[in-house]
Amino acid sequence: MIRSFEGVEPQVAESAHVHESAVVAGDVVVEAEASVWPNATVRGDAGQVVIGEGSNLQDNAVMHEGGELGPDVTVGHSAVVHAASVAEGALVGMNAVVLNDAHIGERAVVGAGAVVTEGTDVPPETLVTGTPAAVKTELADPPGAASAEHYAALAKRYEETSERLD
């Protein structure tokens, strides 16, 4: 569902994929080749939310209170990004939480279930895990870009081959 809030309509690029069960409301920008998957929620009712080119917000994930995904970012199933920024090629794992004013560096990985606390800066090309999240290692070959490419291709397949049956 794509809906306005207080007269502000989401801006969704023609090449973006927003599943019909996702909620995209208010001051939201979904850039080219980006995808928002089933039951994800993107609420731009307390600041603009940007989903960058080629990025994906997977099933049941939430973005709210402003924030930005740079290009080619993956936000895994049931993760929350709340008033935070995630830089190009980064990956936020399943059930992870990234809180207000945190910044995830380029090609960094937030491990599944991790909690990145308010105001934390995660360095580029590192893996953070735990609660609160802490750097575990540097990454020689971060997986974020490959994940984003996979989801961009999958979104195209959905747009080309799926049809609503109810």
Protein backbone atom coordinates (compact mmCIF):
# COMPACT_ATOMS: atom_id res chain seq x y z
CA MET A 1 0.00 0.00 0.00
CA ILE A 2 1.37 3.38 -1.00
CA ARG A 3 -0.35 6.31 0.68
CA SER A 4 0.07 9.98 1.38
CA PHE A 5 0.37 11.50 4.84
CA GLU A 6 -0.64 15.09 5.53
CA GLY A 7 -0.58 15.80 1.81
CA VAL A 8 2.90 14.38 1.21
CA GLU A 9 3.05 11.50 -1.26
CA PRO A 10 5.81 8.92 -1.47
CA GLN A 11 8.06 9.20 -4.52
CA VAL A 12 8.56 5.76 -6.02
CA ALA A 13 10.77 5.35 -9.09
CA GLU A 14 9.18 3.59 -12.02
CA SER A 15 11.82 0.84 -11.89
CA ALA A 16 11.37 0.25 -8.14
CA HIS A 17 9.39 -2.70 -6.78
CA VAL A 18 7.00 -2.21 -3.86
CA HIS A 19 5.10 -5.35 -2.94
CA GLU A 20 1.36 -4.75 -2.53
CA SER A 21 1.45 -5.90 1.12
CA ALA A 22 4.20 -3.42 2.02
CA VAL A 23 3.27 -0.06 3.53
CA VAL A 24 5.01 3.04 2.15
CA ALA A 25 3.53 6.21 3.61
CA GLY A 26 4.33 9.92 3.64
CA ASP A 27 7.71 11.51 2.95
CA VAL A 28 9.42 8.48 1.45
CA VAL A 29 11.69 8.22 -1.59
CA VAL A 30 12.19 4.81 -3.20
CA GLU A 31 14.88 5.21 -5.83
CA ALA A 32 15.47 3.30 -9.08
CA GLU A 33 15.87 -0.48 -8.90
CA ALA A 34 15.12 -0.45 -5.15
CA SER A 35 12.70 -2.94 -3.63
CA VAL A 36 10.37 -3.07 -0.64
CA TRP A 37 9.21 -6.61 0.11
CA PRO A 38 6.09 -8.19 1.68
CA ASN A 39 4.88 -6.65 4.93
CA ALA A 40 7.77 -4.18 5.17
CA THR A 41 6.81 -0.77 6.55
CA VAL A 42 8.36 2.55 5.54
CA ARG A 43 6.80 5.50 7.38
CA GLY A 44 7.83 8.99 6.45
CA ASP A 45 5.60 10.71 8.99
CA ALA A 46 8.39 12.06 11.23
CA GLY A 47 11.14 12.84 8.74
CA GLN A 48 12.05 11.78 5.21
CA VAL A 49 13.02 8.17 4.59
CA VAL A 50 15.16 7.40 1.52
CA ILE A 51 15.70 3.93 0.09
CA GLY A 52 18.64 4.35 -2.25
CA GLU A 53 19.13 3.05 -5.75
CA GLY A 54 19.30 -0.74 -5.88
CA SER A 55 18.66 -1.15 -2.15
CA ASN A 56 16.20 -3.60 -0.64
CA LEU A 57 14.07 -3.64 2.48
CA GLN A 58 13.11 -7.27 3.01
CA ASP A 59 10.01 -8.91 4.46
CA ASN A 60 8.72 -7.43 7.74
CA ALA A 61 11.52 -4.84 7.98
CA VAL A 62 10.75 -1.35 9.28
CA MET A 63 12.14 2.11 8.53
CA HIS A 64 10.76 5.10 10.43
CA GLU A 65 11.56 8.55 11.87
CA GLY A 66 13.67 9.56 8.90
CA GLY A 67 16.82 7.87 7.76
CA GLU A 68 18.53 6.79 4.61
CA LEU A 69 19.75 3.69 2.88
CA GLY A 70 22.52 4.52 0.43
CA PRO A 71 22.82 2.67 -2.88
CA ASP A 72 22.93 -1.14 -2.91
CA VAL A 73 22.04 -1.65 0.75
CA THR A 74 20.33 -4.78 2.05
CA VAL A 75 18.10 -4.65 5.13
CA GLY A 76 17.26 -8.22 6.12
CA HIS A 77 14.00 -9.79 7.20
CA SER A 78 12.41 -8.18 10.27
CA ALA A 79 15.23 -5.69 10.80
CA VAL A 80 14.55 -2.16 12.05
CA VAL A 81 16.35 1.00 10.90
CA HIS A 82 15.08 3.89 13.02
CA ALA A 83 16.25 7.44 12.23
CA ALA A 84 19.65 6.13 11.11
CA SER A 85 21.77 6.01 7.96
CA VAL A 86 23.23 3.00 6.20
CA ALA A 87 25.95 3.69 3.63
CA GLU A 88 26.51 2.18 0.20
CA GLY A 89 26.82 -1.58 -0.06
CA ALA A 90 26.17 -2.26 3.64
CA LEU A 91 24.07 -5.11 4.95
CA VAL A 92 21.82 -5.07 8.02
CA GLY A 93 21.13 -8.68 9.03
CA MET A 94 17.85 -10.31 9.93
CA ASN A 95 16.23 -9.07 13.15
CA ALA A 96 18.97 -6.47 13.66
CA VAL A 97 18.10 -3.06 15.07
CA VAL A 98 19.84 0.19 14.09
CA LEU A 99 18.79 3.06 16.35
CA ASN A 100 18.60 6.85 16.11
CA ASP A 101 21.56 8.76 14.71
CA ALA A 102 23.61 5.60 14.15
CA HIS A 103 25.63 5.41 10.94
CA ILE A 104 26.58 2.15 9.26
CA GLY A 105 29.70 2.61 7.11
CA GLU A 106 30.17 1.55 3.49
CA ARG A 107 30.11 -2.20 2.95
CA ALA A 108 29.80 -2.88 6.69
CA VAL A 109 27.72 -5.78 7.97
CA VAL A 110 25.44 -5.65 11.00
CA GLY A 111 25.05 -9.27 12.07
CA ALA A 112 21.68 -10.92 12.54
CA GLY A 113 20.06 -9.93 15.82
CA ALA A 114 22.59 -7.20 16.61
CA VAL A 115 21.54 -3.92 18.22
CA VAL A 116 23.41 -0.84 17.03
CA THR A 117 22.75 1.69 19.77
CA GLU A 118 21.94 5.37 19.37
CA GLY A 119 24.67 7.50 17.84
CA THR A 120 27.02 4.61 17.05
CA ASP A 121 29.34 4.88 14.03
CA VAL A 122 30.10 1.49 12.49
CA PRO A 123 33.34 1.67 10.48
CA PRO A 124 33.34 0.73 6.78
CA GLU A 125 33.99 -2.90 5.84
CA THR A 126 33.59 -4.30 9.34
CA LEU A 127 31.30 -6.90 10.90
CA VAL A 128 29.47 -5.86 14.06
CA THR A 129 27.49 -8.27 16.22
CA GLY A 130 25.96 -8.44 19.66
CA THR A 131 23.96 -6.24 21.98
CA PRO A 132 25.20 -3.59 21.97
CA ALA A 133 26.87 -4.20 18.62
CA ALA A 134 30.66 -4.22 18.63
CA VAL A 135 33.22 -4.68 15.85
CA LYS A 136 34.23 -8.33 15.54
CA THR A 137 36.43 -8.23 12.45
CA GLU A 138 37.34 -6.36 9.30
CA LEU A 139 35.88 -7.77 6.08
CA ALA A 140 38.00 -8.51 3.02
CA ASP A 141 35.02 -9.27 0.77
CA PRO A 142 31.81 -7.79 2.21
CA PRO A 143 28.62 -9.52 0.96
CA GLY A 144 26.33 -6.46 0.73
CA ALA A 145 26.74 -5.64 -2.97
CA ALA A 146 26.08 -9.23 -4.03
CA SER A 147 22.96 -9.34 -1.88
CA ALA A 148 21.70 -6.07 -3.36
CA GLU A 149 22.31 -7.34 -6.91
CA HIS A 150 20.41 -10.55 -6.11
CA TYR A 151 17.40 -8.64 -4.78
CA ALA A 152 17.39 -6.18 -7.70
CA ALA A 153 17.24 -9.13 -10.10
CA LEU A 154 14.56 -10.85 -8.02
CA ALA A 155 12.46 -7.67 -8.01
CA LYS A 156 12.62 -7.55 -11.82
CA ARG A 157 11.46 -11.18 -11.97
CA TYR A 158 8.52 -10.34 -9.70
CA GLU A 159 7.56 -7.35 -11.84
CA GLU A 160 7.75 -9.43 -15.02
CA THR A 161 6.21 -12.73 -13.93
CA SER A 162 4.00 -12.43 -10.85
CA GLU A 163 0.31 -11.66 -10.82
CA ARG A 164 -2.16 -11.13 -8.04
CA LEU A 165 -4.53 -14.09 -7.80
CA ASP A 166 -7.17 -12.87 -5.33
